[in-house]
Amino acid sequence: MNAYKTYVQIDATGRLVLEGLPFRQGALLEVLIIDQSRPPQERAEEWSALMRHVQSLPQAQTITDEDIAAEIDACRSGQ
């Protein structure tokens, strides 16, 4: 996957224009839009709350370090 990161501002009409992208014409791109106007501390607190929630799920209680290591190895080997 090729990734390209840039910052743009929405214009007065509410449009967002991306120009000069380093991809071929007709390429199918996935677009993720993140509001950077929120304070970093607020984003960090929301991320921490999400991680606490995920870690409290019943499925997360049975995952071992060995399970994590095996999944990382499988991803790295292309499985």
PDB file of N, CA and C in Angstrom:
ATOM      1  N   MET A   1       0.851  -1.178   0.000  1.00  0.00           N
ATOM      2  CA  MET A   1       0.000   0.000   0.000  1.00  0.00           C
ATOM      3  C   MET A   1       0.890   1.233   0.000  1.00  0.00           C
ATOM      4  N   ASN A   2       0.627   2.128  -0.900  1.00  0.00           N
ATOM      5  CA  ASN A   2       1.295   3.415  -0.907  1.00  0.00           C
ATOM      6  C   ASN A   2       0.439   4.412  -0.161  1.00  0.00           C
ATOM      7  N   ALA A   3       1.057   5.196   0.685  1.00  0.00           N
ATOM      8  CA  ALA A   3       0.322   6.190   1.455  1.00  0.00           C
ATOM      9  C   ALA A   3       0.928   7.560   1.198  1.00  0.00           C
ATOM     10  N   TYR A   4       0.114   8.566   1.271  1.00  0.00           N
ATOM     11  CA  TYR A   4       0.538   9.938   1.064  1.00  0.00           C
ATOM     12  C   TYR A   4      -0.219  10.786   2.067  1.00  0.00           C
ATOM     13  N   LYS A   5       0.483  11.588   2.814  1.00  0.00           N
ATOM     14  CA  LYS A   5      -0.145  12.419   3.836  1.00  0.00           C
ATOM     15  C   LYS A   5       0.039  13.879   3.478  1.00  0.00           C
ATOM     16  N   THR A   6      -1.033  14.627   3.573  1.00  0.00           N
ATOM     17  CA  THR A   6      -0.978  16.062   3.317  1.00  0.00           C
ATOM     18  C   THR A   6      -2.024  16.739   4.188  1.00  0.00           C
ATOM     19  N   TYR A   7      -1.957  18.021   4.271  1.00  0.00           N
ATOM     20  CA  TYR A   7      -2.926  18.795   5.046  1.00  0.00           C
ATOM     21  C   TYR A   7      -3.572  19.823   4.126  1.00  0.00           C
ATOM     22  N   VAL A   8      -4.888  19.931   4.198  1.00  0.00           N
ATOM     23  CA  VAL A   8      -5.629  20.901   3.399  1.00  0.00           C
ATOM     24  C   VAL A   8      -6.706  21.519   4.271  1.00  0.00           C
ATOM     25  N   GLN A   9      -7.202  22.653   3.837  1.00  0.00           N
ATOM     26  CA  GLN A   9      -8.291  23.303   4.547  1.00  0.00           C
ATOM     27  C   GLN A   9      -9.525  23.322   3.661  1.00  0.00           C
ATOM     28  N   ILE A  10     -10.680  23.225   4.282  1.00  0.00           N
ATOM     29  CA  ILE A  10     -11.942  23.296   3.568  1.00  0.00           C
ATOM     30  C   ILE A  10     -12.166  24.754   3.173  1.00  0.00           C
ATOM     31  N   ASP A  11     -12.577  24.982   1.920  1.00  0.00           N
ATOM     32  CA  ASP A  11     -12.772  26.361   1.472  1.00  0.00           C
ATOM     33  C   ASP A  11     -14.127  26.894   1.919  1.00  0.00           C
ATOM     34  N   ALA A  12     -14.423  28.128   1.550  1.00  0.00           N
ATOM     35  CA  ALA A  12     -15.643  28.809   1.998  1.00  0.00           C
ATOM     36  C   ALA A  12     -16.914  28.116   1.531  1.00  0.00           C
ATOM     37  N   THR A  13     -16.820  27.336   0.466  1.00  0.00           N
ATOM     38  CA  THR A  13     -18.005  26.634  -0.042  1.00  0.00           C
ATOM     39  C   THR A  13     -18.168  25.253   0.591  1.00  0.00           C
ATOM     40  N   GLY A  14     -17.226  24.885   1.480  1.00  0.00           N
ATOM     41  CA  GLY A  14     -17.287  23.577   2.108  1.00  0.00           C
ATOM     42  C   GLY A  14     -16.618  22.486   1.290  1.00  0.00           C
ATOM     43  N   ARG A  15     -15.889  22.891   0.259  1.00  0.00           N
ATOM     44  CA  ARG A  15     -15.221  21.915  -0.599  1.00  0.00           C
ATOM     45  C   ARG A  15     -13.804  21.659  -0.116  1.00  0.00           C
ATOM     46  N   LEU A  16     -13.330  20.498  -0.461  1.00  0.00           N
ATOM     47  CA  LEU A  16     -11.960  20.091  -0.176  1.00  0.00           C
ATOM     48  C   LEU A  16     -11.331  19.720  -1.504  1.00  0.00           C
ATOM     49  N   VAL A  17     -10.222  20.365  -1.854  1.00  0.00           N
ATOM     50  CA  VAL A  17      -9.576  20.118  -3.134  1.00  0.00           C
ATOM     51  C   VAL A  17      -8.179  19.569  -2.882  1.00  0.00           C
ATOM     52  N   LEU A  18      -7.899  18.409  -3.447  1.00  0.00           N
ATOM     53  CA  LEU A  18      -6.570  17.806  -3.386  1.00  0.00           C
ATOM     54  C   LEU A  18      -5.964  17.877  -4.774  1.00  0.00           C
ATOM     55  N   GLU A  19      -4.802  18.490  -4.879  1.00  0.00           N
ATOM     56  CA  GLU A  19      -4.135  18.626  -6.174  1.00  0.00           C
ATOM     57  C   GLU A  19      -2.700  18.134  -6.062  1.00  0.00           C
ATOM     58  N   GLY A  20      -2.155  17.712  -7.189  1.00  0.00           N
ATOM     59  CA  GLY A  20      -0.759  17.310  -7.236  1.00  0.00           C
ATOM     60  C   GLY A  20      -0.460  16.026  -6.485  1.00  0.00           C
ATOM     61  N   LEU A  21      -1.426  15.121  -6.447  1.00  0.00           N
ATOM     62  CA  LEU A  21      -1.222  13.858  -5.735  1.00  0.00           C
ATOM     63  C   LEU A  21      -0.280  12.943  -6.517  1.00  0.00           C
ATOM     64  N   PRO A  22       0.533  12.169  -5.815  1.00  0.00           N
ATOM     65  CA  PRO A  22       1.529  11.320  -6.483  1.00  0.00           C
ATOM     66  C   PRO A  22       0.988   9.948  -6.897  1.00  0.00           C
ATOM     67  N   PHE A  23      -0.203   9.933  -7.497  1.00  0.00           N
ATOM     68  CA  PHE A  23      -0.818   8.682  -7.930  1.00  0.00           C
ATOM     69  C   PHE A  23      -1.201   8.810  -9.402  1.00  0.00           C
ATOM     70  N   ARG A  24      -1.268   7.671 -10.085  1.00  0.00           N
ATOM     71  CA  ARG A  24      -1.597   7.688 -11.505  1.00  0.00           C
ATOM     72  C   ARG A  24      -3.067   8.067 -11.709  1.00  0.00           C
ATOM     73  N   GLN A  25      -3.338   8.606 -12.879  1.00  0.00           N
ATOM     74  CA  GLN A  25      -4.711   8.961 -13.231  1.00  0.00           C
ATOM     75  C   GLN A  25      -5.581   7.713 -13.205  1.00  0.00           C
ATOM     76  N   GLY A  26      -6.750   7.815 -12.610  1.00  0.00           N
ATOM     77  CA  GLY A  26      -7.686   6.705 -12.542  1.00  0.00           C
ATOM     78  C   GLY A  26      -7.461   5.760 -11.369  1.00  0.00           C
ATOM     79  N   ALA A  27      -6.429   6.018 -10.543  1.00  0.00           N
ATOM     80  CA  ALA A  27      -6.166   5.147  -9.397  1.00  0.00           C
ATOM     81  C   ALA A  27      -7.323   5.229  -8.411  1.00  0.00           C
ATOM     82  N   LEU A  28      -7.692   4.096  -7.842  1.00  0.00           N
ATOM     83  CA  LEU A  28      -8.724   4.052  -6.820  1.00  0.00           C
ATOM     84  C   LEU A  28      -8.050   4.321  -5.480  1.00  0.00           C
ATOM     85  N   LEU A  29      -8.460   5.377  -4.791  1.00  0.00           N
ATOM     86  CA  LEU A  29      -7.847   5.778  -3.530  1.00  0.00           C
ATOM     87  C   LEU A  29      -8.850   5.709  -2.399  1.00  0.00           C
ATOM     88  N   GLU A  30      -8.379   5.350  -1.238  1.00  0.00           N
ATOM     89  CA  GLU A  30      -9.188   5.399  -0.021  1.00  0.00           C
ATOM     90  C   GLU A  30      -8.880   6.716   0.666  1.00  0.00           C
ATOM     91  N   VAL A  31      -9.910   7.437   1.081  1.00  0.00           N
ATOM     92  CA  VAL A  31      -9.736   8.743   1.695  1.00  0.00           C
ATOM     93  C   VAL A  31     -10.209   8.681   3.138  1.00  0.00           C
ATOM     94  N   LEU A  32      -9.337   9.071   4.043  1.00  0.00           N
ATOM     95  CA  LEU A  32      -9.655   9.140   5.464  1.00  0.00           C
ATOM     96  C   LEU A  32      -9.488  10.588   5.881  1.00  0.00           C
ATOM     97  N   ILE A  33     -10.531  11.183   6.444  1.00  0.00           N
ATOM     98  CA  ILE A  33     -10.476  12.585   6.822  1.00  0.00           C
ATOM     99  C   ILE A  33     -10.510  12.675   8.343  1.00  0.00           C
ATOM    100  N   ILE A  34      -9.500  13.331   8.909  1.00  0.00           N
ATOM    101  CA  ILE A  34      -9.379  13.474  10.362  1.00  0.00           C
ATOM    102  C   ILE A  34      -9.343  14.957  10.694  1.00  0.00           C
ATOM    103  N   ASP A  35     -10.212  15.373  11.567  1.00  0.00           N
ATOM    104  CA  ASP A  35     -10.266  16.771  11.994  1.00  0.00           C
ATOM    105  C   ASP A  35      -9.081  17.060  12.912  1.00  0.00           C
ATOM    106  N   GLN A  36      -8.152  17.874  12.435  1.00  0.00           N
ATOM    107  CA  GLN A  36      -6.956  18.201  13.206  1.00  0.00           C
ATOM    108  C   GLN A  36      -7.154  19.435  14.090  1.00  0.00           C
ATOM    109  N   SER A  37      -8.368  19.983  14.101  1.00  0.00           N
ATOM    110  CA  SER A  37      -8.588  21.192  14.889  1.00  0.00           C
ATOM    111  C   SER A  37      -8.829  20.900  16.369  1.00  0.00           C
ATOM    112  N   ARG A  38      -9.109  19.640  16.689  1.00  0.00           N
ATOM    113  CA  ARG A  38      -9.295  19.281  18.098  1.00  0.00           C
ATOM    114  C   ARG A  38      -7.941  19.260  18.800  1.00  0.00           C
ATOM    115  N   PRO A  39      -7.903  19.675  20.053  1.00  0.00           N
ATOM    116  CA  PRO A  39      -6.634  19.676  20.793  1.00  0.00           C
ATOM    117  C   PRO A  39      -6.059  18.258  20.919  1.00  0.00           C
ATOM    118  N   PRO A  40      -4.748  18.121  20.822  1.00  0.00           N
ATOM    119  CA  PRO A  40      -4.121  16.797  20.935  1.00  0.00           C
ATOM    120  C   PRO A  40      -4.497  16.076  22.225  1.00  0.00           C
ATOM    121  N   GLN A  41      -4.618  16.796  23.323  1.00  0.00           N
ATOM    122  CA  GLN A  41      -4.975  16.167  24.592  1.00  0.00           C
ATOM    123  C   GLN A  41      -6.359  15.518  24.524  1.00  0.00           C
ATOM    124  N   GLU A  42      -7.285  16.183  23.862  1.00  0.00           N
ATOM    125  CA  GLU A  42      -8.637  15.631  23.711  1.00  0.00           C
ATOM    126  C   GLU A  42      -8.602  14.353  22.886  1.00  0.00           C
ATOM    127  N   ARG A  43      -7.839  14.361  21.783  1.00  0.00           N
ATOM    128  CA  ARG A  43      -7.722  13.155  20.958  1.00  0.00           C
ATOM    129  C   ARG A  43      -7.064  12.023  21.731  1.00  0.00           C
ATOM    130  N   ALA A  44      -6.049  12.344  22.527  1.00  0.00           N
ATOM    131  CA  ALA A  44      -5.354  11.319  23.322  1.00  0.00           C
ATOM    132  C   ALA A  44      -6.291  10.721  24.363  1.00  0.00           C
ATOM    133  N   GLU A  45      -7.117  11.551  24.990  1.00  0.00           N
ATOM    134  CA  GLU A  45      -8.064  11.047  25.991  1.00  0.00           C
ATOM    135  C   GLU A  45      -9.100  10.122  25.356  1.00  0.00           C
ATOM    136  N   GLU A  46      -9.595  10.485  24.174  1.00  0.00           N
ATOM    137  CA  GLU A  46     -10.561   9.621  23.485  1.00  0.00           C
ATOM    138  C   GLU A  46      -9.915   8.295  23.088  1.00  0.00           C
ATOM    139  N   TRP A  47      -8.667   8.351  22.628  1.00  0.00           N
ATOM    140  CA  TRP A  47      -7.949   7.129  22.251  1.00  0.00           C
ATOM    141  C   TRP A  47      -7.771   6.239  23.481  1.00  0.00           C
ATOM    142  N   SER A  48      -7.394   6.821  24.609  1.00  0.00           N
ATOM    143  CA  SER A  48      -7.215   6.051  25.839  1.00  0.00           C
ATOM    144  C   SER A  48      -8.520   5.409  26.277  1.00  0.00           C
ATOM    145  N   ALA A  49      -9.619   6.146  26.169  1.00  0.00           N
ATOM    146  CA  ALA A  49     -10.927   5.595  26.534  1.00  0.00           C
ATOM    147  C   ALA A  49     -11.288   4.421  25.629  1.00  0.00           C
ATOM    148  N   LEU A  50     -11.010   4.545  24.336  1.00  0.00           N
ATOM    149  CA  LEU A  50     -11.281   3.447  23.413  1.00  0.00           C
ATOM    150  C   LEU A  50     -10.444   2.224  23.769  1.00  0.00           C
ATOM    151  N   MET A  51      -9.173   2.416  24.069  1.00  0.00           N
ATOM    152  CA  MET A  51      -8.297   1.288  24.419  1.00  0.00           C
ATOM    153  C   MET A  51      -8.749   0.616  25.717  1.00  0.00           C
ATOM    154  N   ARG A  52      -9.182   1.407  26.693  1.00  0.00           N
ATOM    155  CA  ARG A  52      -9.704   0.811  27.940  1.00  0.00           C
ATOM    156  C   ARG A  52     -10.933  -0.046  27.643  1.00  0.00           C
ATOM    157  N   HIS A  53     -11.795   0.457  26.759  1.00  0.00           N
ATOM    158  CA  HIS A  53     -13.000  -0.289  26.401  1.00  0.00           C
ATOM    159  C   HIS A  53     -12.632  -1.603  25.701  1.00  0.00           C
ATOM    160  N   VAL A  54     -11.755  -1.533  24.710  1.00  0.00           N
ATOM    161  CA  VAL A  54     -11.349  -2.731  23.969  1.00  0.00           C
ATOM    162  C   VAL A  54     -10.706  -3.747  24.909  1.00  0.00           C
ATOM    163  N   GLN A  55      -9.846  -3.283  25.791  1.00  0.00           N
ATOM    164  CA  GLN A  55      -9.166  -4.192  26.715  1.00  0.00           C
ATOM    165  C   GLN A  55     -10.110  -4.804  27.740  1.00  0.00           C
ATOM    166  N   SER A  56     -11.272  -4.183  27.951  1.00  0.00           N
ATOM    167  CA  SER A  56     -12.227  -4.728  28.915  1.00  0.00           C
ATOM    168  C   SER A  56     -13.184  -5.747  28.291  1.00  0.00           C
ATOM    169  N   LEU A  57     -13.164  -5.887  26.976  1.00  0.00           N
ATOM    170  CA  LEU A  57     -14.049  -6.842  26.319  1.00  0.00           C
ATOM    171  C   LEU A  57     -13.690  -8.266  26.734  1.00  0.00           C
ATOM    172  N   PRO A  58     -14.684  -9.146  26.855  1.00  0.00           N
ATOM    173  CA  PRO A  58     -14.411 -10.526  27.276  1.00  0.00           C
ATOM    174  C   PRO A  58     -13.386 -11.235  26.393  1.00  0.00           C
ATOM    175  N   GLN A  59     -13.434 -10.971  25.077  1.00  0.00           N
ATOM    176  CA  GLN A  59     -12.495 -11.627  24.160  1.00  0.00           C
ATOM    177  C   GLN A  59     -11.054 -11.251  24.487  1.00  0.00           C
ATOM    178  N   ALA A  60     -10.841 -10.036  24.956  1.00  0.00           N
ATOM    179  CA  ALA A  60      -9.484  -9.556  25.236  1.00  0.00           C
ATOM    180  C   ALA A  60      -8.900 -10.212  26.481  1.00  0.00           C
ATOM    181  N   GLN A  61      -9.743 -10.758  27.331  1.00  0.00           N
ATOM    182  CA  GLN A  61      -9.264 -11.336  28.585  1.00  0.00           C
ATOM    183  C   GLN A  61      -8.538 -12.659  28.383  1.00  0.00           C
ATOM    184  N   THR A  62      -8.779 -13.307  27.245  1.00  0.00           N
ATOM    185  CA  THR A  62      -8.173 -14.624  27.019  1.00  0.00           C
ATOM    186  C   THR A  62      -6.968 -14.588  26.083  1.00  0.00           C
ATOM    187  N   ILE A  63      -6.620 -13.421  25.569  1.00  0.00           N
ATOM    188  CA  ILE A  63      -5.485 -13.318  24.648  1.00  0.00           C
ATOM    189  C   ILE A  63      -4.182 -13.370  25.439  1.00  0.00           C
ATOM    190  N   THR A  64      -3.274 -14.234  24.971  1.00  0.00           N
ATOM    191  CA  THR A  64      -1.976 -14.358  25.642  1.00  0.00           C
ATOM    192  C   THR A  64      -0.892 -13.670  24.829  1.00  0.00           C
ATOM    193  N   ASP A  65       0.259 -13.456  25.452  1.00  0.00           N
ATOM    194  CA  ASP A  65       1.399 -12.889  24.730  1.00  0.00           C
ATOM    195  C   ASP A  65       1.795 -13.797  23.571  1.00  0.00           C
ATOM    196  N   GLU A  66       1.646 -15.111  23.757  1.00  0.00           N
ATOM    197  CA  GLU A  66       1.966 -16.058  22.697  1.00  0.00           C
ATOM    198  C   GLU A  66       1.011 -15.888  21.511  1.00  0.00           C
ATOM    199  N   ASP A  67      -0.279 -15.647  21.798  1.00  0.00           N
ATOM    200  CA  ASP A  67      -1.257 -15.399  20.731  1.00  0.00           C
ATOM    201  C   ASP A  67      -0.859 -14.161  19.925  1.00  0.00           C
ATOM    202  N   ILE A  68      -0.467 -13.122  20.619  1.00  0.00           N
ATOM    203  CA  ILE A  68      -0.068 -11.871  19.963  1.00  0.00           C
ATOM    204  C   ILE A  68       1.173 -12.105  19.101  1.00  0.00           C
ATOM    205  N   ALA A  69       2.172 -12.792  19.647  1.00  0.00           N
ATOM    206  CA  ALA A  69       3.396 -13.059  18.913  1.00  0.00           C
ATOM    207  C   ALA A  69       3.106 -13.902  17.666  1.00  0.00           C
ATOM    208  N   ALA A  70       2.218 -14.900  17.788  1.00  0.00           N
ATOM    209  CA  ALA A  70       1.880 -15.747  16.653  1.00  0.00           C
ATOM    210  C   ALA A  70       1.163 -14.948  15.571  1.00  0.00           C
ATOM    211  N   GLU A  71       0.289 -14.037  15.960  1.00  0.00           N
ATOM    212  CA  GLU A  71      -0.415 -13.209  14.968  1.00  0.00           C
ATOM    213  C   GLU A  71       0.562 -12.260  14.267  1.00  0.00           C
ATOM    214  N   ILE A  72       1.485 -11.689  14.994  1.00  0.00           N
ATOM    215  CA  ILE A  72       2.493 -10.814  14.383  1.00  0.00           C
ATOM    216  C   ILE A  72       3.341 -11.615  13.397  1.00  0.00           C
ATOM    217  N   ASP A  73       3.777 -12.798  13.799  1.00  0.00           N
ATOM    218  CA  ASP A  73       4.586 -13.639  12.915  1.00  0.00           C
ATOM    219  C   ASP A  73       3.807 -13.995  11.639  1.00  0.00           C
ATOM    220  N   ALA A  74       2.521 -14.318  11.790  1.00  0.00           N
ATOM    221  CA  ALA A  74       1.699 -14.679  10.641  1.00  0.00           C
ATOM    222  C   ALA A  74       1.560 -13.482   9.692  1.00  0.00           C
ATOM    223  N   CYS A  75       1.359 -12.300  10.234  1.00  0.00           N
ATOM    224  CA  CYS A  75       1.236 -11.098   9.391  1.00  0.00           C
ATOM    225  C   CYS A  75       2.541 -10.812   8.653  1.00  0.00           C
ATOM    226  N   ARG A  76       3.643 -10.941   9.366  1.00  0.00           N
ATOM    227  CA  ARG A  76       4.945 -10.654   8.760  1.00  0.00           C
ATOM    228  C   ARG A  76       5.287 -11.655   7.669  1.00  0.00           C
ATOM    229  N   SER A  77       4.794 -12.893   7.798  1.00  0.00           N
ATOM    230  CA  SER A  77       5.101 -13.915   6.795  1.00  0.00           C
ATOM    231  C   SER A  77       4.073 -13.910   5.663  1.00  0.00           C
ATOM    232  N   GLY A  78       3.109 -12.994   5.722  1.00  0.00           N
ATOM    233  CA  GLY A  78       2.131 -12.853   4.642  1.00  0.00           C
ATOM    234  C   GLY A  78       0.952 -13.790   4.732  1.00  0.00           C
ATOM    235  N   GLN A  79       0.713 -14.378   5.867  1.00  0.00           N
ATOM    236  CA  GLN A  79      -0.423 -15.305   6.021  1.00  0.00           C
ATOM    237  C   GLN A  79      -1.679 -14.578   6.379  1.00  0.00           C
TER     238      GLN A  79
END
